[in-house]
Amino acid sequence: MNIGLIAHDSKKELMVQFCIAYCGVLSRHSVCATGTTGKLVAEATGLDILRFLSGSQGGDQQIAARIACNELDLLLMFRDPITVKPNELNEANILRLCDVHNVPVATNIATAEALIHALERGDLDWRNIGNPNV
């Protein structure tokens, strides 16, 4: 599966710690991320991460484009719900695209852990549902 990572500045360390904890699961999938988040996670985990631009320079839109083109299967977007950010419209657009294209998305650690455990069990491989050859 193709997994996207986005983290606000105040949540980057949480994303890094999450990816360290679930490196074994993530290593079996293709991972992409916005620039700084991808750099930090790759350095901490050794994961091979396709890095886009930083979020403020267009990385959010690059992730959104992958969602719109059905090239992303799962999104982990750790948001800071307290601090107002100038790119909140980008976030709303990403969440809308996830809804339109049925992409599971986690915006906090609790949901991310639920999704990662479901991914590990094989519960999220929706492409194989109803496929008798699986």
Protein backbone atom coordinates (compact mmCIF):
# COMPACT_ATOMS: atom_id res chain seq x y z
CA MET A 1 0.00 0.00 0.00
CA ASN A 2 0.99 3.61 -0.52
CA ILE A 3 1.08 5.59 2.72
CA GLY A 4 1.37 9.37 3.02
CA LEU A 5 2.76 11.27 6.01
CA ILE A 6 2.13 14.90 6.93
CA ALA A 7 2.88 16.48 10.32
CA HIS A 8 2.55 20.03 11.58
CA ASP A 9 5.67 21.46 13.17
CA SER A 10 4.45 20.81 16.70
CA LYS A 11 3.61 17.19 15.77
CA LYS A 12 6.75 16.24 13.84
CA GLU A 13 8.44 14.61 16.84
CA LEU A 14 5.26 12.62 17.51
CA MET A 15 5.28 11.45 13.88
CA VAL A 16 8.93 10.44 14.18
CA GLN A 17 8.26 8.47 17.37
CA PHE A 18 5.20 6.83 15.78
CA CYS A 19 7.22 5.79 12.74
CA ILE A 20 10.03 4.42 14.91
CA ALA A 21 7.48 2.35 16.84
CA TYR A 22 5.84 1.01 13.68
CA CYS A 23 8.89 0.91 11.40
CA GLY A 24 8.41 -2.82 10.81
CA VAL A 25 4.92 -2.31 9.44
CA LEU A 26 5.79 0.80 7.43
CA SER A 27 8.84 -0.88 5.87
CA ARG A 28 6.54 -3.31 4.03
CA HIS A 29 4.80 -0.46 2.22
CA SER A 30 5.64 2.56 0.05
CA VAL A 31 5.83 5.72 2.10
CA CYS A 32 5.79 9.32 0.91
CA ALA A 33 5.82 12.50 2.97
CA THR A 34 6.05 16.23 2.88
CA GLY A 35 9.65 17.45 2.91
CA THR A 36 10.70 18.06 6.49
CA THR A 37 8.52 15.32 7.92
CA GLY A 38 9.96 12.84 5.43
CA LYS A 39 13.52 13.91 6.19
CA LEU A 40 13.07 13.55 9.95
CA VAL A 41 11.33 10.18 9.69
CA ALA A 42 13.87 8.80 7.20
CA GLU A 43 16.80 9.88 9.38
CA ALA A 44 15.25 8.35 12.51
CA THR A 45 14.05 5.08 10.96
CA GLY A 46 16.13 4.37 7.86
CA LEU A 47 12.90 4.00 5.89
CA ASP A 48 13.03 4.76 2.18
CA ILE A 49 10.64 7.70 1.90
CA LEU A 50 9.65 9.56 -1.24
CA ARG A 51 9.93 13.18 -0.15
CA PHE A 52 7.90 15.98 -1.63
CA LEU A 53 8.27 19.70 -1.03
CA SER A 54 7.70 21.02 2.45
CA GLY A 55 4.01 21.52 3.21
CA SER A 56 4.12 25.31 2.98
CA GLN A 57 5.92 25.14 -0.38
CA GLY A 58 3.45 22.80 -2.05
CA GLY A 59 4.05 19.42 -0.46
CA ASP A 60 0.49 19.35 0.86
CA GLN A 61 -0.77 19.83 -2.69
CA GLN A 62 1.53 17.08 -3.96
CA ILE A 63 0.03 14.67 -1.41
CA ALA A 64 -3.46 15.90 -2.39
CA ALA A 65 -2.69 15.20 -6.05
CA ARG A 66 -1.70 11.62 -5.20
CA ILE A 67 -4.99 11.17 -3.38
CA ALA A 68 -6.95 12.63 -6.29
CA CYS A 69 -5.18 10.27 -8.73
CA ASN A 70 -5.87 7.22 -6.52
CA GLU A 71 -2.14 6.82 -5.83
CA LEU A 72 -2.42 6.95 -2.02
CA ASP A 73 -4.11 4.27 0.08
CA LEU A 74 -3.67 5.65 3.60
CA LEU A 75 -2.83 9.06 5.05
CA LEU A 76 -1.39 9.85 8.46
CA MET A 77 -1.73 13.61 8.98
CA PHE A 78 -0.81 14.65 12.49
CA ARG A 79 -2.39 18.06 12.97
CA ASP A 80 -2.11 20.66 15.68
CA PRO A 81 -5.77 21.52 16.35
CA ILE A 82 -4.90 24.40 18.70
CA THR A 83 -2.62 26.61 16.60
CA VAL A 84 -4.22 28.47 13.69
CA LYS A 85 -2.28 27.91 10.50
CA PRO A 86 -2.32 29.84 7.23
CA ASN A 87 -2.68 26.64 5.14
CA GLU A 88 -5.83 25.28 6.81
CA LEU A 89 -7.64 25.39 3.46
CA ASN A 90 -5.08 22.88 2.14
CA GLU A 91 -5.87 20.59 5.05
CA ALA A 92 -9.61 20.85 4.47
CA ASN A 93 -9.02 20.03 0.81
CA ILE A 94 -6.90 16.99 1.70
CA LEU A 95 -9.56 15.71 4.10
CA ARG A 96 -12.26 16.27 1.48
CA LEU A 97 -10.23 14.33 -1.11
CA CYS A 98 -9.77 11.47 1.36
CA ASP A 99 -13.55 11.36 1.80
CA VAL A 100 -14.20 11.49 -1.95
CA HIS A 101 -11.68 8.74 -2.74
CA ASN A 102 -12.31 6.60 0.37
CA VAL A 103 -8.77 6.98 1.68
CA PRO A 104 -8.49 6.16 5.40
CA VAL A 105 -6.97 9.14 7.20
CA ALA A 106 -5.72 9.63 10.75
CA THR A 107 -5.31 13.12 12.16
CA ASN A 108 -4.16 12.02 15.61
CA ILE A 109 -2.07 9.31 17.24
CA ALA A 110 -5.02 7.23 18.49
CA THR A 111 -6.55 6.86 15.03
CA ALA A 112 -3.13 6.32 13.46
CA GLU A 113 -2.47 3.40 15.78
CA ALA A 114 -5.86 1.88 14.97
CA LEU A 115 -5.16 2.17 11.24
CA ILE A 116 -1.61 0.82 11.50
CA HIS A 117 -2.84 -2.22 13.45
CA ALA A 118 -5.58 -2.80 10.86
CA LEU A 119 -2.95 -2.48 8.12
CA GLU A 120 -0.73 -5.01 9.88
CA ARG A 121 -3.63 -7.49 10.11
CA GLY A 122 -4.46 -6.97 6.43
CA ASP A 123 -7.83 -5.38 7.16
CA LEU A 124 -7.14 -2.33 4.99
CA ASP A 125 -6.22 -4.06 1.77
CA TRP A 126 -9.54 -3.08 0.18
CA ARG A 127 -8.20 -3.79 -3.32
CA ASN A 128 -8.39 -7.53 -2.57
CA ILE A 129 -11.93 -7.54 -1.18
CA GLY A 130 -14.02 -9.84 -3.31
CA ASN A 131 -10.99 -11.05 -5.26
CA PRO A 132 -11.15 -14.88 -5.28
CA ASN A 133 -7.45 -15.13 -6.24
CA VAL A 134 -6.29 -13.73 -2.88
